[in-house]
Amino acid sequence: MTRTTAAPYRVIQWATGNIGARSLRAVLEHPHLDLVGVYVHGAKKVGVDAGTLCGLERETGVLATGDIDEILAMEADCVLYMPRAFDAEQVCRLLTSGFNVVTTRGEFHHPPSMDRELCAQVESACWLGNSSIHSTGSSPGFITEAVPIALTSIQRRLERLTIREFADLSRRDSPGILFDVMGFGAPPTAFDQHRLDHLRANFEPSLRLLADALHLPLDTVEVAGEVATARHRTRIAAGTLAPGSVAAQRVTITGHRDGTPLIAFCAMWYCTTDLDPEWSVRPTGWHIDVNGDAPLDVDLRFPVSLDMMSAVSPGYTANRAVNAVPYLCAAPPGIRTSVDLPQFTPILN
């Protein structure tokens, strides 16, 4: 990585939502990255200084644009691509123009799992532009790839690896997301199949990448969901949960090999711990069990008050993407996964 001590990498930030704004600030504060452009979706953000968009108390001289042609005309090494929705045409235009792309979108964790036509289209764009693309973030990404790869580096036999994610949502003041999208506070019915399919699509590629890296490819992947209800009327930041309404959800994506569960990711989101039936819950964070010839039991907790979680949590996803920039810029053209790239060592201020 010789270039980290030479000219800074020129970076474009694409989208400035919760994750994008944190990424934008990290780029501006990074000693070896130069911000050269910002792409935004909302008309009210067009022409706004990058410093204002990410809460800095100084202007940067870089103004946001909503015109992709303006972005393509810039000289840049990498685009941090963080929109809510994936647009294959946009991504291919960026890659064909010679921009490397680090994204917190999950489409590129495991190329063999991708739609064949899309994979071929993106690979072609990479070769035309001599560019590369990489998906990463906190979950999936850090907790489903980087951490398990490190933990299995001391194994010679793996019987099962289980990753559990816990999120206490009781102080999240987002009624639209919790009640309307996630279904908290609703009567307990069958778990929404659309949500199960969505979560499977998010995490299955990452689990398959991990299994392939260990030379233990998965035969099948299954997803299951269940809910628990509030025992009593419960007030949370987003509103009120009636007794008997959904107060916790658990989704498990399990990869099987030779008919036996090998790798699993279990996400548990809850608004109270007073549940029916009783579930064993932990504070917000991750817990990893590695069953093998060097068994491990690992807790990773977020030592942040719930009231501060919304301000701190975007960094868990954005920072890893920012730290990936020098490594992706040095990679050969194509879709690059966590297995293809070296371990990220951040360049800190």
Protein backbone atom coordinates (compact mmCIF):
# COMPACT_ATOMS: atom_id res chain seq x y z
CA MET A 1 0.00 0.00 0.00
CA THR A 2 2.61 2.54 -1.04
CA ARG A 3 0.15 5.17 -2.15
CA THR A 4 -1.19 5.90 1.35
CA THR A 5 1.88 8.03 1.99
CA ALA A 6 1.76 9.81 -1.38
CA ALA A 7 -1.10 11.70 -3.07
CA PRO A 8 -4.45 11.44 -1.27
CA TYR A 9 -7.22 9.38 -2.83
CA ARG A 10 -9.86 11.53 -4.48
CA VAL A 11 -13.31 10.48 -3.26
CA ILE A 12 -16.92 11.17 -4.24
CA GLN A 13 -19.68 10.63 -1.69
CA TRP A 14 -22.88 9.26 -3.27
CA ALA A 15 -25.98 9.94 -1.11
CA THR A 16 -26.08 11.64 2.28
CA GLY A 17 -28.61 9.80 4.42
CA ASN A 18 -27.72 8.59 7.92
CA ILE A 19 -24.87 6.37 6.69
CA GLY A 20 -23.81 8.62 3.83
CA ALA A 21 -23.57 11.72 6.00
CA ARG A 22 -21.34 9.86 8.47
CA SER A 23 -19.20 8.59 5.60
CA LEU A 24 -18.96 12.11 4.16
CA ARG A 25 -17.71 13.49 7.47
CA ALA A 26 -15.19 10.66 7.78
CA VAL A 27 -13.81 11.45 4.33
CA LEU A 28 -13.45 15.14 5.16
CA GLU A 29 -11.60 14.30 8.38
CA HIS A 30 -9.41 11.57 6.83
CA PRO A 31 -5.69 12.45 6.47
CA HIS A 32 -5.31 10.61 3.13
CA LEU A 33 -8.66 11.20 1.40
CA ASP A 34 -9.73 14.29 -0.54
CA LEU A 35 -13.41 14.93 -1.15
CA VAL A 36 -13.96 16.07 -4.75
CA GLY A 37 -17.72 15.59 -5.18
CA VAL A 38 -21.06 14.80 -3.52
CA TYR A 39 -24.12 13.33 -5.22
CA VAL A 40 -27.52 13.88 -3.55
CA HIS A 41 -31.07 12.82 -4.35
CA GLY A 42 -33.14 15.57 -2.71
CA ALA A 43 -33.50 18.84 -4.61
CA LYS A 44 -33.11 20.80 -1.36
CA LYS A 45 -29.59 19.44 -0.95
CA VAL A 46 -28.35 20.42 -4.41
CA GLY A 47 -25.84 23.28 -4.14
CA VAL A 48 -25.37 22.79 -0.38
CA ASP A 49 -21.80 22.65 0.92
CA ALA A 50 -20.55 19.19 1.95
CA GLY A 51 -19.65 20.48 5.41
CA THR A 52 -23.24 21.54 6.02
CA LEU A 53 -24.59 18.19 4.82
CA CYS A 54 -22.59 16.26 7.41
CA GLY A 55 -22.79 18.71 10.31
CA LEU A 56 -19.31 20.19 10.17
CA GLU A 57 -18.96 23.75 11.39
CA ARG A 58 -16.96 24.80 8.35
CA GLU A 59 -17.45 25.05 4.63
CA THR A 60 -15.44 22.81 2.33
CA GLY A 61 -16.02 24.43 -1.04
CA VAL A 62 -17.46 21.15 -2.38
CA LEU A 63 -21.10 21.65 -3.36
CA ALA A 64 -23.57 18.80 -3.81
CA THR A 65 -25.03 17.95 -7.19
CA GLY A 66 -27.95 15.84 -8.36
CA ASP A 67 -26.55 15.48 -11.89
CA ILE A 68 -24.72 12.21 -12.57
CA ASP A 69 -23.05 13.72 -15.63
CA GLU A 70 -21.37 16.27 -13.37
CA ILE A 71 -20.11 13.42 -11.21
CA LEU A 72 -18.81 11.47 -14.22
CA ALA A 73 -16.89 14.56 -15.40
CA MET A 74 -14.92 14.70 -12.12
CA GLU A 75 -11.48 13.23 -11.58
CA ALA A 76 -11.78 10.76 -8.74
CA ASP A 77 -10.35 7.45 -7.59
CA CYS A 78 -13.34 6.09 -5.70
CA VAL A 79 -17.07 6.59 -5.13
CA LEU A 80 -18.61 5.75 -1.75
CA TYR A 81 -21.99 4.56 -3.04
CA MET A 82 -24.64 4.59 -0.30
CA PRO A 83 -28.17 5.10 -1.70
CA ARG A 84 -31.32 3.51 -0.31
CA ALA A 85 -32.00 1.71 -3.59
CA PHE A 86 -29.56 0.01 -5.93
CA ASP A 87 -29.40 1.24 -9.53
CA ALA A 88 -27.39 -1.08 -11.79
CA GLU A 89 -27.21 1.46 -14.62
CA GLN A 90 -25.73 4.12 -12.31
CA VAL A 91 -23.17 1.72 -10.87
CA CYS A 92 -22.07 0.49 -14.30
CA ARG A 93 -21.68 4.07 -15.55
CA LEU A 94 -19.47 4.85 -12.57
CA LEU A 95 -17.34 1.75 -13.08
CA THR A 96 -17.05 2.23 -16.84
CA SER A 97 -15.88 5.80 -16.22
CA GLY A 98 -12.97 4.46 -14.18
CA PHE A 99 -14.29 5.06 -10.65
CA ASN A 100 -13.75 2.33 -8.08
CA VAL A 101 -16.88 1.85 -5.99
CA VAL A 102 -17.12 0.96 -2.29
CA THR A 103 -20.74 0.44 -1.34
CA THR A 104 -22.76 -0.35 1.76
CA ARG A 105 -25.34 -1.90 -0.53
CA GLY A 106 -25.29 -5.70 -0.23
CA GLU A 107 -25.44 -6.75 -3.87
CA PHE A 108 -21.75 -7.66 -4.24
CA HIS A 109 -20.81 -9.77 -1.20
CA HIS A 110 -20.78 -13.06 -3.14
CA PRO A 111 -20.64 -12.89 -6.96
CA PRO A 112 -21.80 -16.52 -7.48
CA SER A 113 -25.06 -15.62 -5.70
CA MET A 114 -25.73 -12.66 -7.98
CA ASP A 115 -28.08 -12.64 -10.94
CA ARG A 116 -25.88 -13.92 -13.76
CA GLU A 117 -26.78 -11.15 -16.18
CA LEU A 118 -26.16 -8.44 -13.59
CA CYS A 119 -22.86 -10.01 -12.53
CA ALA A 120 -21.66 -10.16 -16.13
CA GLN A 121 -22.78 -6.57 -16.74
CA VAL A 122 -20.91 -5.27 -13.69
CA GLU A 123 -17.76 -7.30 -14.41
CA SER A 124 -17.75 -5.96 -17.97
CA ALA A 125 -18.06 -2.38 -16.68
CA CYS A 126 -15.12 -3.00 -14.33
CA TRP A 127 -12.88 -4.25 -17.11
CA LEU A 128 -13.87 -1.40 -19.41
CA GLY A 129 -13.05 1.17 -16.73
CA ASN A 130 -10.14 -0.70 -15.09
CA SER A 131 -12.13 -0.37 -11.87
CA SER A 132 -13.41 -2.52 -9.03
CA ILE A 133 -16.39 -2.67 -6.66
CA HIS A 134 -16.75 -3.95 -3.10
CA SER A 135 -19.71 -4.34 -0.73
CA THR A 136 -19.10 -3.93 2.98
CA GLY A 137 -20.53 -2.51 6.18
CA SER A 138 -21.15 -3.65 9.73
CA SER A 139 -23.90 -6.26 9.19
CA PRO A 140 -23.52 -7.87 6.74
CA GLY A 141 -19.81 -7.34 6.30
CA PHE A 142 -17.79 -6.85 9.45
CA ILE A 143 -19.73 -9.27 11.66
CA THR A 144 -20.49 -11.89 8.99
CA GLU A 145 -17.13 -11.86 7.20
CA ALA A 146 -14.21 -10.02 8.81
CA VAL A 147 -14.80 -11.23 12.36
CA PRO A 148 -15.65 -14.88 11.56
CA ILE A 149 -12.67 -15.16 9.21
CA ALA A 150 -10.43 -13.98 12.06
CA LEU A 151 -12.04 -16.34 14.59
CA THR A 152 -11.81 -19.37 12.32
CA SER A 153 -8.13 -18.66 11.65
CA ILE A 154 -7.32 -20.67 14.80
CA GLN A 155 -9.55 -23.63 13.89
CA ARG A 156 -8.67 -26.85 12.13
CA ARG A 157 -12.17 -28.29 12.49
CA LEU A 158 -15.41 -26.31 12.40
CA GLU A 159 -18.62 -27.93 13.54
CA ARG A 160 -20.84 -24.84 13.68
CA LEU A 161 -20.56 -21.06 13.76
CA THR A 162 -23.49 -18.94 14.94
CA ILE A 163 -23.67 -15.15 14.86
CA ARG A 164 -26.40 -13.49 16.93
CA GLU A 165 -27.27 -9.83 16.52
CA PHE A 166 -29.22 -8.03 19.26
CA ALA A 167 -30.85 -4.62 18.92
CA ASP A 168 -32.79 -2.90 21.70
CA LEU A 169 -35.18 -0.55 19.86
CA SER A 170 -37.02 0.78 22.88
CA ARG A 171 -35.41 4.23 22.61
CA ARG A 172 -35.61 4.52 18.82
CA ASP A 173 -38.07 7.31 18.05
CA SER A 174 -39.03 6.04 14.59
CA PRO A 175 -42.72 5.02 14.67
CA GLY A 176 -42.91 4.76 10.88
CA ILE A 177 -40.12 2.18 10.77
CA LEU A 178 -40.97 0.24 13.93
CA PHE A 179 -44.76 0.11 13.60
CA ASP A 180 -45.45 0.48 9.86
CA VAL A 181 -42.45 -1.30 8.35
CA MET A 182 -41.27 -3.77 10.98
CA GLY A 183 -44.69 -4.60 12.43
CA PHE A 184 -44.07 -3.94 16.11
CA GLY A 185 -47.27 -3.27 18.04
CA ALA A 186 -49.33 -5.40 15.63
CA PRO A 187 -51.20 -8.61 16.50
CA PRO A 188 -48.94 -11.68 16.35
CA THR A 189 -49.52 -13.39 13.00
CA ALA A 190 -47.36 -15.39 10.64
CA PHE A 191 -44.04 -13.67 10.01
CA ASP A 192 -44.22 -11.52 6.89
CA GLN A 193 -42.73 -13.58 4.04
CA HIS A 194 -41.61 -10.47 2.17
CA ARG A 195 -39.46 -9.43 5.14
CA LEU A 196 -38.05 -12.95 5.45
CA ASP A 197 -37.11 -12.94 1.77
CA HIS A 198 -35.57 -9.47 2.12
CA LEU A 199 -33.40 -10.48 5.07
CA ARG A 200 -32.38 -13.70 3.40
CA ALA A 201 -31.29 -11.74 0.32
CA ASN A 202 -29.25 -9.44 2.58
CA PHE A 203 -27.39 -12.12 4.54
CA GLU A 204 -27.29 -15.33 2.50
CA PRO A 205 -24.55 -14.07 0.10
CA SER A 206 -22.32 -13.10 3.02
CA LEU A 207 -22.78 -16.47 4.73
CA ARG A 208 -22.05 -18.27 1.47
CA LEU A 209 -18.89 -16.20 1.00
CA LEU A 210 -17.70 -17.19 4.47
CA ALA A 211 -18.42 -20.86 3.85
CA ASP A 212 -16.66 -20.78 0.47
CA ALA A 213 -13.64 -19.08 2.05
CA LEU A 214 -13.42 -21.96 4.54
CA HIS A 215 -13.71 -24.50 1.68
CA LEU A 216 -16.99 -25.69 3.19
CA PRO A 217 -19.55 -24.52 0.60
CA LEU A 218 -23.16 -24.61 1.70
CA ASP A 219 -25.67 -26.97 0.13
CA THR A 220 -28.80 -25.12 1.22
CA VAL A 221 -29.79 -21.96 3.09
CA GLU A 222 -33.03 -21.66 5.07
CA VAL A 223 -34.70 -18.69 6.75
CA ALA A 224 -37.21 -18.70 9.61
CA GLY A 225 -38.89 -15.95 11.62
CA GLU A 226 -40.79 -15.78 14.89
CA VAL A 227 -42.22 -13.12 17.20
CA ALA A 228 -42.76 -12.60 20.92
CA THR A 229 -45.39 -10.33 22.44
CA ALA A 230 -45.49 -7.75 25.22
CA ARG A 231 -46.77 -9.12 28.53
CA HIS A 232 -47.96 -5.69 29.65
CA ARG A 233 -48.77 -2.31 28.15
CA THR A 234 -45.33 -0.86 27.38
CA ARG A 235 -44.33 2.69 26.53
CA ILE A 236 -41.36 3.05 24.17
CA ALA A 237 -39.91 6.11 22.43
CA ALA A 238 -41.86 5.42 19.23
CA GLY A 239 -45.23 4.92 20.95
CA THR A 240 -47.08 2.30 22.96
CA LEU A 241 -47.15 -1.50 22.72
CA ALA A 242 -50.44 -3.04 23.81
CA PRO A 243 -50.40 -6.28 25.81
CA GLY A 244 -50.27 -9.21 23.40
CA SER A 245 -48.85 -7.17 20.51
CA VAL A 246 -45.55 -7.88 18.76
CA ALA A 247 -42.67 -6.65 20.93
CA ALA A 248 -39.75 -8.74 19.63
CA GLN A 249 -38.75 -10.43 16.40
CA ARG A 250 -36.19 -13.09 15.63
CA VAL A 251 -35.02 -14.06 12.15
CA THR A 252 -32.53 -16.86 11.58
CA ILE A 253 -30.72 -17.57 8.31
CA THR A 254 -29.06 -20.99 8.46
CA GLY A 255 -26.63 -22.50 5.98
CA HIS A 256 -26.49 -26.30 5.82
CA ARG A 257 -23.74 -28.61 4.63
CA ASP A 258 -24.23 -32.37 4.27
CA GLY A 259 -27.63 -32.02 5.92
CA THR A 260 -26.25 -30.35 9.05
CA PRO A 261 -26.40 -26.66 10.12
CA LEU A 262 -22.94 -25.16 9.68
CA ILE A 263 -23.22 -21.34 9.69
CA ALA A 264 -26.12 -19.27 11.01
CA PHE A 265 -26.98 -15.60 11.46
CA CYS A 266 -29.74 -14.77 13.92
CA ALA A 267 -31.07 -11.20 14.19
CA MET A 268 -33.12 -10.38 17.28
CA TRP A 269 -34.79 -6.98 17.56
CA TYR A 270 -36.79 -6.15 20.65
CA CYS A 271 -38.61 -3.22 22.26
CA THR A 272 -38.84 -4.72 25.75
CA THR A 273 -37.40 -7.69 27.61
CA ASP A 274 -40.76 -8.49 29.29
CA LEU A 275 -41.78 -10.98 26.62
CA ASP A 276 -44.17 -13.84 26.04
CA PRO A 277 -42.70 -16.37 25.50
CA GLU A 278 -39.56 -15.56 27.48
CA TRP A 279 -36.57 -15.03 25.23
CA SER A 280 -32.94 -14.82 26.29
CA VAL A 281 -31.87 -11.35 25.14
CA ARG A 282 -28.62 -9.47 25.43
CA PRO A 283 -27.76 -5.77 25.20
CA THR A 284 -27.36 -4.28 21.74
CA GLY A 285 -24.40 -5.90 20.02
CA TRP A 286 -23.28 -9.27 18.69
CA HIS A 287 -22.56 -12.69 20.15
CA ILE A 288 -20.60 -15.34 18.26
CA ASP A 289 -20.31 -19.04 19.09
CA VAL A 290 -17.61 -21.04 17.33
CA ASN A 291 -17.86 -24.78 17.87
CA GLY A 292 -14.74 -26.52 16.64
CA ASP A 293 -11.44 -27.87 17.85
CA ALA A 294 -10.67 -24.38 19.28
CA PRO A 295 -14.12 -23.37 20.59
CA LEU A 296 -14.87 -19.69 21.20
CA ASP A 297 -17.62 -17.65 22.85
CA VAL A 298 -17.33 -13.98 21.89
CA ASP A 299 -19.41 -10.97 22.98
CA LEU A 300 -19.19 -7.65 21.14
CA ARG A 301 -21.30 -5.01 22.86
CA PHE A 302 -21.87 -1.35 22.00
CA PRO A 303 -20.94 0.60 25.18
CA VAL A 304 -23.31 3.42 24.26
CA SER A 305 -26.49 4.54 25.98
CA LEU A 306 -29.66 3.76 24.03
CA ASP A 307 -30.41 7.49 23.80
CA MET A 308 -27.09 7.99 21.97
CA MET A 309 -27.31 4.91 19.75
CA SER A 310 -28.91 6.66 16.75
CA ALA A 311 -26.08 9.22 16.74
CA VAL A 312 -23.29 6.64 17.06
CA SER A 313 -24.53 3.59 15.14
CA PRO A 314 -24.08 4.94 11.55
CA GLY A 315 -20.33 4.93 12.12
CA TYR A 316 -20.28 1.16 12.53
CA THR A 317 -21.33 0.84 8.89
CA ALA A 318 -19.83 3.94 7.29
CA ASN A 319 -16.34 3.72 8.82
CA ARG A 320 -15.55 0.30 7.41
CA ALA A 321 -16.48 1.48 3.92
CA VAL A 322 -14.24 4.54 4.23
CA ASN A 323 -11.37 2.41 5.51
CA ALA A 324 -11.74 0.14 2.48
CA VAL A 325 -11.02 2.88 -0.08
CA PRO A 326 -7.21 2.52 -0.36
CA TYR A 327 -7.46 -1.27 -0.52
CA LEU A 328 -10.06 -1.31 -3.26
CA CYS A 329 -8.20 1.30 -5.29
CA ALA A 330 -5.16 -1.00 -5.27
CA ALA A 331 -7.17 -4.08 -6.27
CA PRO A 332 -7.38 -5.53 -9.80
CA PRO A 333 -10.55 -4.85 -11.82
CA GLY A 334 -13.74 -6.71 -10.98
CA ILE A 335 -16.11 -7.47 -8.12
CA ARG A 336 -13.89 -7.81 -5.04
CA THR A 337 -15.04 -9.52 -1.85
CA SER A 338 -13.70 -9.62 1.70
CA VAL A 339 -11.74 -12.71 0.71
CA ASP A 340 -10.10 -10.96 -2.26
CA LEU A 341 -8.98 -7.87 -0.32
CA PRO A 342 -6.44 -7.68 2.52
CA GLN A 343 -7.54 -7.02 6.08
CA PHE A 344 -8.36 -3.33 6.42
CA THR A 345 -5.97 -1.40 8.64
CA PRO A 346 -7.40 2.11 9.11
CA ILE A 347 -5.32 5.24 8.62
CA LEU A 348 -6.36 7.21 11.70
CA ASN A 349 -6.02 10.93 12.35
